[in-house]
N, C-alpha and C. Protein backbone atom coordinates (compact mmCIF):
# COMPACT_ATOMS: atom_id res chain seq x y z
N UNK A 1 -5.62 -9.85 0.17
CA UNK A 1 -6.56 -9.73 -0.92
C UNK A 1 -5.80 -9.26 -2.17
N UNK A 2 -6.01 -9.95 -3.28
CA UNK A 2 -5.32 -9.53 -4.50
C UNK A 2 -6.11 -8.42 -5.20
N UNK A 3 -5.51 -7.86 -6.23
CA UNK A 3 -6.11 -6.72 -6.92
C UNK A 3 -7.47 -7.06 -7.53
N UNK A 4 -7.57 -8.23 -8.14
CA UNK A 4 -8.84 -8.59 -8.77
C UNK A 4 -9.95 -8.70 -7.73
N UNK A 5 -9.66 -9.30 -6.61
CA UNK A 5 -10.67 -9.39 -5.56
C UNK A 5 -11.11 -8.01 -5.10
N UNK A 6 -10.16 -7.12 -4.91
CA UNK A 6 -10.47 -5.75 -4.50
C UNK A 6 -11.31 -5.05 -5.56
N UNK A 7 -10.91 -5.19 -6.82
CA UNK A 7 -11.66 -4.56 -7.91
C UNK A 7 -13.07 -5.13 -8.04
N UNK A 8 -13.21 -6.43 -7.82
CA UNK A 8 -14.54 -7.03 -7.87
C UNK A 8 -15.43 -6.48 -6.77
N UNK A 9 -14.85 -6.21 -5.60
CA UNK A 9 -15.63 -5.59 -4.52
C UNK A 9 -16.05 -4.17 -4.91
N UNK A 10 -15.14 -3.43 -5.53
CA UNK A 10 -15.48 -2.09 -5.99
C UNK A 10 -16.56 -2.15 -7.06
N UNK A 11 -16.44 -3.13 -7.94
CA UNK A 11 -17.44 -3.31 -9.00
C UNK A 11 -18.81 -3.63 -8.41
N UNK A 12 -18.82 -4.44 -7.37
CA UNK A 12 -20.08 -4.78 -6.72
C UNK A 12 -20.73 -3.54 -6.12
N UNK A 13 -19.92 -2.66 -5.57
CA UNK A 13 -20.43 -1.43 -4.96
C UNK A 13 -20.94 -0.44 -6.02
N UNK A 14 -20.30 -0.43 -7.20
CA UNK A 14 -20.70 0.49 -8.28
C UNK A 14 -20.49 -0.21 -9.62
N UNK A 15 -21.45 -1.02 -10.06
CA UNK A 15 -21.28 -1.85 -11.25
C UNK A 15 -21.09 -1.08 -12.56
N UNK A 16 -21.42 0.19 -12.58
CA UNK A 16 -21.31 0.93 -13.84
C UNK A 16 -20.08 1.84 -13.91
N UNK A 17 -19.20 1.78 -12.93
CA UNK A 17 -18.01 2.62 -12.93
C UNK A 17 -17.03 2.15 -14.01
N UNK A 18 -16.82 2.95 -15.06
CA UNK A 18 -15.97 2.49 -16.15
C UNK A 18 -14.51 2.29 -15.75
N UNK A 19 -14.03 3.06 -14.78
CA UNK A 19 -12.64 2.87 -14.36
C UNK A 19 -12.44 1.49 -13.75
N UNK A 20 -13.36 1.07 -12.90
CA UNK A 20 -13.25 -0.25 -12.28
C UNK A 20 -13.36 -1.36 -13.33
N UNK A 21 -14.27 -1.19 -14.28
CA UNK A 21 -14.40 -2.17 -15.36
C UNK A 21 -13.11 -2.26 -16.16
N UNK A 22 -12.53 -1.10 -16.48
CA UNK A 22 -11.27 -1.07 -17.22
C UNK A 22 -10.15 -1.73 -16.42
N UNK A 23 -10.07 -1.39 -15.15
CA UNK A 23 -9.01 -1.95 -14.29
C UNK A 23 -9.14 -3.47 -14.19
N UNK A 24 -10.35 -3.98 -14.14
CA UNK A 24 -10.54 -5.43 -14.11
C UNK A 24 -10.04 -6.05 -15.42
N UNK A 25 -10.37 -5.44 -16.54
CA UNK A 25 -9.86 -5.95 -17.82
C UNK A 25 -8.35 -5.95 -17.86
N UNK A 26 -7.75 -4.89 -17.39
CA UNK A 26 -6.29 -4.76 -17.39
C UNK A 26 -5.65 -5.84 -16.51
N UNK A 27 -6.21 -6.06 -15.33
CA UNK A 27 -5.66 -7.07 -14.42
C UNK A 27 -5.80 -8.48 -15.00
N UNK A 28 -6.94 -8.77 -15.59
CA UNK A 28 -7.11 -10.09 -16.20
C UNK A 28 -6.15 -10.26 -17.38
N UNK A 29 -5.94 -9.21 -18.14
CA UNK A 29 -5.00 -9.28 -19.26
C UNK A 29 -3.59 -9.54 -18.75
N UNK A 30 -3.19 -8.87 -17.68
CA UNK A 30 -1.85 -9.09 -17.11
C UNK A 30 -1.67 -10.53 -16.67
N UNK A 31 -2.73 -11.16 -16.22
CA UNK A 31 -2.66 -12.55 -15.77
C UNK A 31 -2.77 -13.55 -16.92
N UNK A 32 -2.94 -13.06 -18.14
CA UNK A 32 -3.06 -13.95 -19.29
C UNK A 32 -4.46 -14.53 -19.46
N UNK A 33 -5.40 -14.01 -18.72
CA UNK A 33 -6.80 -14.47 -18.83
C UNK A 33 -7.50 -13.57 -19.85
N UNK A 34 -7.16 -13.81 -21.12
CA UNK A 34 -7.49 -12.87 -22.18
C UNK A 34 -8.97 -12.77 -22.48
N UNK A 35 -9.68 -13.88 -22.48
CA UNK A 35 -11.12 -13.82 -22.76
C UNK A 35 -11.86 -13.07 -21.65
N UNK A 36 -11.41 -13.24 -20.42
CA UNK A 36 -12.00 -12.47 -19.30
C UNK A 36 -11.72 -10.99 -19.49
N UNK A 37 -10.51 -10.67 -19.92
CA UNK A 37 -10.14 -9.28 -20.15
C UNK A 37 -11.03 -8.66 -21.22
N UNK A 38 -11.26 -9.39 -22.31
CA UNK A 38 -12.13 -8.90 -23.38
C UNK A 38 -13.50 -8.57 -22.82
N UNK A 39 -14.03 -9.46 -22.01
CA UNK A 39 -15.36 -9.25 -21.43
C UNK A 39 -15.42 -7.94 -20.64
N UNK A 40 -14.42 -7.70 -19.84
CA UNK A 40 -14.42 -6.49 -19.01
C UNK A 40 -14.22 -5.24 -19.85
N UNK A 41 -13.31 -5.30 -20.83
CA UNK A 41 -13.12 -4.13 -21.70
C UNK A 41 -14.40 -3.83 -22.48
N UNK A 42 -15.07 -4.85 -22.97
CA UNK A 42 -16.33 -4.63 -23.68
C UNK A 42 -17.39 -4.03 -22.76
N UNK A 43 -17.37 -4.41 -21.50
CA UNK A 43 -18.35 -3.84 -20.56
C UNK A 43 -18.09 -2.36 -20.32
N UNK A 44 -16.82 -1.93 -20.44
CA UNK A 44 -16.53 -0.50 -20.34
C UNK A 44 -17.29 0.23 -21.44
N UNK A 45 -17.20 -0.29 -22.67
CA UNK A 45 -17.85 0.36 -23.81
C UNK A 45 -19.37 0.32 -23.68
N UNK A 46 -19.89 -0.70 -23.03
CA UNK A 46 -21.34 -0.76 -22.81
C UNK A 46 -21.79 0.34 -21.85
N UNK A 47 -20.94 0.67 -20.91
CA UNK A 47 -21.28 1.70 -19.92
C UNK A 47 -20.93 3.11 -20.39
N UNK A 48 -19.81 3.25 -21.10
CA UNK A 48 -19.33 4.59 -21.45
C UNK A 48 -18.47 4.53 -22.71
N UNK A 49 -19.09 4.78 -23.85
CA UNK A 49 -18.36 4.73 -25.12
C UNK A 49 -17.33 5.85 -25.24
N UNK A 50 -17.40 6.83 -24.37
CA UNK A 50 -16.43 7.93 -24.39
C UNK A 50 -15.20 7.66 -23.54
N UNK A 51 -15.08 6.48 -22.97
CA UNK A 51 -13.91 6.12 -22.17
C UNK A 51 -12.79 5.72 -23.14
N UNK A 52 -12.07 6.73 -23.61
CA UNK A 52 -11.20 6.57 -24.77
C UNK A 52 -10.06 5.58 -24.58
N UNK A 53 -9.54 5.44 -23.38
CA UNK A 53 -8.40 4.57 -23.15
C UNK A 53 -8.66 3.10 -23.43
N UNK A 54 -9.89 2.69 -23.37
CA UNK A 54 -10.21 1.26 -23.54
C UNK A 54 -10.04 0.81 -24.98
N UNK A 55 -10.20 1.70 -25.94
CA UNK A 55 -10.13 1.30 -27.35
C UNK A 55 -8.75 0.75 -27.71
N UNK A 56 -7.71 1.40 -27.26
CA UNK A 56 -6.35 0.94 -27.54
C UNK A 56 -6.10 -0.44 -26.93
N UNK A 57 -6.45 -0.59 -25.66
CA UNK A 57 -6.18 -1.85 -24.96
C UNK A 57 -7.01 -3.00 -25.53
N UNK A 58 -8.27 -2.74 -25.82
CA UNK A 58 -9.11 -3.78 -26.40
C UNK A 58 -8.61 -4.16 -27.79
N UNK A 59 -8.22 -3.18 -28.58
CA UNK A 59 -7.68 -3.46 -29.91
C UNK A 59 -6.41 -4.30 -29.84
N UNK A 60 -5.50 -3.95 -28.97
CA UNK A 60 -4.26 -4.72 -28.81
C UNK A 60 -4.57 -6.15 -28.35
N UNK A 61 -5.53 -6.28 -27.48
CA UNK A 61 -5.92 -7.60 -27.01
C UNK A 61 -6.50 -8.43 -28.15
N UNK A 62 -7.32 -7.82 -28.98
CA UNK A 62 -7.85 -8.53 -30.16
C UNK A 62 -6.71 -8.98 -31.08
N UNK A 63 -5.72 -8.13 -31.28
CA UNK A 63 -4.56 -8.51 -32.11
C UNK A 63 -3.89 -9.73 -31.50
N UNK A 64 -3.67 -9.70 -30.20
CA UNK A 64 -3.03 -10.82 -29.50
C UNK A 64 -3.83 -12.10 -29.67
N UNK A 65 -5.15 -11.98 -29.73
CA UNK A 65 -6.02 -13.16 -29.89
C UNK A 65 -6.20 -13.56 -31.35
N UNK A 66 -5.56 -12.83 -32.26
CA UNK A 66 -5.67 -13.14 -33.68
C UNK A 66 -6.97 -12.66 -34.30
N UNK A 67 -7.62 -11.73 -33.66
CA UNK A 67 -8.91 -11.20 -34.13
C UNK A 67 -8.69 -9.83 -34.79
N UNK A 68 -7.99 -9.84 -35.93
CA UNK A 68 -7.58 -8.61 -36.60
C UNK A 68 -8.78 -7.74 -37.01
N UNK A 69 -9.83 -8.34 -37.51
CA UNK A 69 -10.99 -7.55 -37.94
C UNK A 69 -11.63 -6.83 -36.75
N UNK A 70 -11.71 -7.53 -35.61
CA UNK A 70 -12.25 -6.89 -34.42
C UNK A 70 -11.34 -5.75 -33.96
N UNK A 71 -10.02 -5.98 -34.06
CA UNK A 71 -9.07 -4.93 -33.68
C UNK A 71 -9.25 -3.70 -34.56
N UNK A 72 -9.34 -3.92 -35.86
CA UNK A 72 -9.52 -2.78 -36.77
C UNK A 72 -10.80 -2.03 -36.46
N UNK A 73 -11.86 -2.76 -36.23
CA UNK A 73 -13.16 -2.13 -35.94
C UNK A 73 -13.08 -1.28 -34.67
N UNK A 74 -12.46 -1.82 -33.63
CA UNK A 74 -12.41 -1.09 -32.36
C UNK A 74 -11.47 0.11 -32.47
N UNK A 75 -10.36 -0.03 -33.21
CA UNK A 75 -9.48 1.12 -33.43
C UNK A 75 -10.22 2.24 -34.17
N UNK A 76 -10.94 1.89 -35.23
CA UNK A 76 -11.66 2.90 -36.00
C UNK A 76 -12.76 3.57 -35.17
N UNK A 77 -13.46 2.78 -34.38
CA UNK A 77 -14.48 3.34 -33.50
C UNK A 77 -13.84 4.30 -32.50
N UNK A 78 -12.71 3.89 -31.94
CA UNK A 78 -12.01 4.74 -30.98
C UNK A 78 -11.50 6.03 -31.60
N UNK A 79 -11.00 5.95 -32.83
CA UNK A 79 -10.54 7.16 -33.52
C UNK A 79 -11.70 8.13 -33.71
N UNK A 80 -12.86 7.59 -34.08
CA UNK A 80 -14.04 8.44 -34.26
C UNK A 80 -14.42 9.12 -32.93
N UNK A 81 -14.45 8.35 -31.86
CA UNK A 81 -14.81 8.90 -30.54
C UNK A 81 -13.79 9.95 -30.11
N UNK A 82 -12.52 9.64 -30.28
CA UNK A 82 -11.46 10.58 -29.88
C UNK A 82 -11.52 11.87 -30.71
N UNK A 83 -11.84 11.74 -31.97
CA UNK A 83 -11.99 12.93 -32.82
C UNK A 83 -13.13 13.79 -32.32
N UNK A 84 -14.24 13.15 -32.01
CA UNK A 84 -15.42 13.87 -31.51
C UNK A 84 -15.12 14.59 -30.20
N UNK A 85 -14.34 13.92 -29.34
CA UNK A 85 -14.03 14.48 -28.02
C UNK A 85 -12.78 15.36 -28.03
N UNK A 86 -12.12 15.44 -29.16
CA UNK A 86 -10.86 16.17 -29.30
C UNK A 86 -9.79 15.63 -28.36
N UNK A 87 -9.76 14.31 -28.22
CA UNK A 87 -8.75 13.62 -27.41
C UNK A 87 -7.57 13.29 -28.32
N UNK A 88 -6.73 14.28 -28.54
CA UNK A 88 -5.69 14.22 -29.56
C UNK A 88 -4.68 13.10 -29.30
N UNK A 89 -4.21 12.99 -28.08
CA UNK A 89 -3.20 11.98 -27.76
C UNK A 89 -3.75 10.57 -27.96
N UNK A 90 -4.93 10.31 -27.43
CA UNK A 90 -5.52 8.98 -27.58
C UNK A 90 -5.80 8.66 -29.05
N UNK A 91 -6.27 9.66 -29.80
CA UNK A 91 -6.53 9.46 -31.22
C UNK A 91 -5.24 9.11 -31.96
N UNK A 92 -4.15 9.79 -31.64
CA UNK A 92 -2.86 9.53 -32.28
C UNK A 92 -2.39 8.10 -31.98
N UNK A 93 -2.56 7.65 -30.75
CA UNK A 93 -2.16 6.28 -30.39
C UNK A 93 -2.98 5.25 -31.17
N UNK A 94 -4.26 5.51 -31.32
CA UNK A 94 -5.12 4.59 -32.07
C UNK A 94 -4.78 4.60 -33.56
N UNK A 95 -4.49 5.76 -34.09
CA UNK A 95 -4.11 5.84 -35.50
C UNK A 95 -2.81 5.09 -35.75
N UNK A 96 -1.86 5.21 -34.82
CA UNK A 96 -0.60 4.47 -34.95
C UNK A 96 -0.85 2.97 -34.87
N UNK A 97 -1.68 2.55 -33.95
CA UNK A 97 -1.99 1.11 -33.81
C UNK A 97 -2.67 0.60 -35.07
N UNK A 98 -3.55 1.38 -35.66
CA UNK A 98 -4.23 0.98 -36.89
C UNK A 98 -3.24 0.87 -38.04
N UNK A 99 -2.31 1.82 -38.14
CA UNK A 99 -1.28 1.74 -39.19
C UNK A 99 -0.42 0.51 -39.01
N UNK A 100 -0.05 0.18 -37.78
CA UNK A 100 0.75 -1.01 -37.53
C UNK A 100 -0.02 -2.27 -37.90
N UNK A 101 -1.31 -2.26 -37.65
CA UNK A 101 -2.16 -3.40 -38.02
C UNK A 101 -2.19 -3.56 -39.53
N UNK A 102 -2.30 -2.45 -40.24
CA UNK A 102 -2.31 -2.48 -41.71
C UNK A 102 -0.97 -2.92 -42.28
N UNK A 103 0.13 -2.64 -41.56
CA UNK A 103 1.47 -3.00 -42.04
C UNK A 103 1.75 -4.49 -41.92
N UNK A 104 1.05 -5.16 -41.03
CA UNK A 104 1.29 -6.61 -40.82
C UNK A 104 0.76 -7.44 -41.94
């Protein structure tokens, strides 16, 4: 059984678990199935907007897909959430990603 199959079984058992949703997005992204990855990362935010790690990965994926405006929006949203939660490291990563986006 591959990782995606295992994660889909976990998702079936607990459809709202943000870690499983995130892991599915990550696995699809690794396989180059980028639109599937976007869907799973977005589902993380639907379940738990405080899952700070997803903002960086979704933003980078949007950049890869040429969706710069979506990337900027998700980075800014993530910075706001991280500031509210005092997630300093995640906020710094998002701020750096946003600056790199602005530099391009």
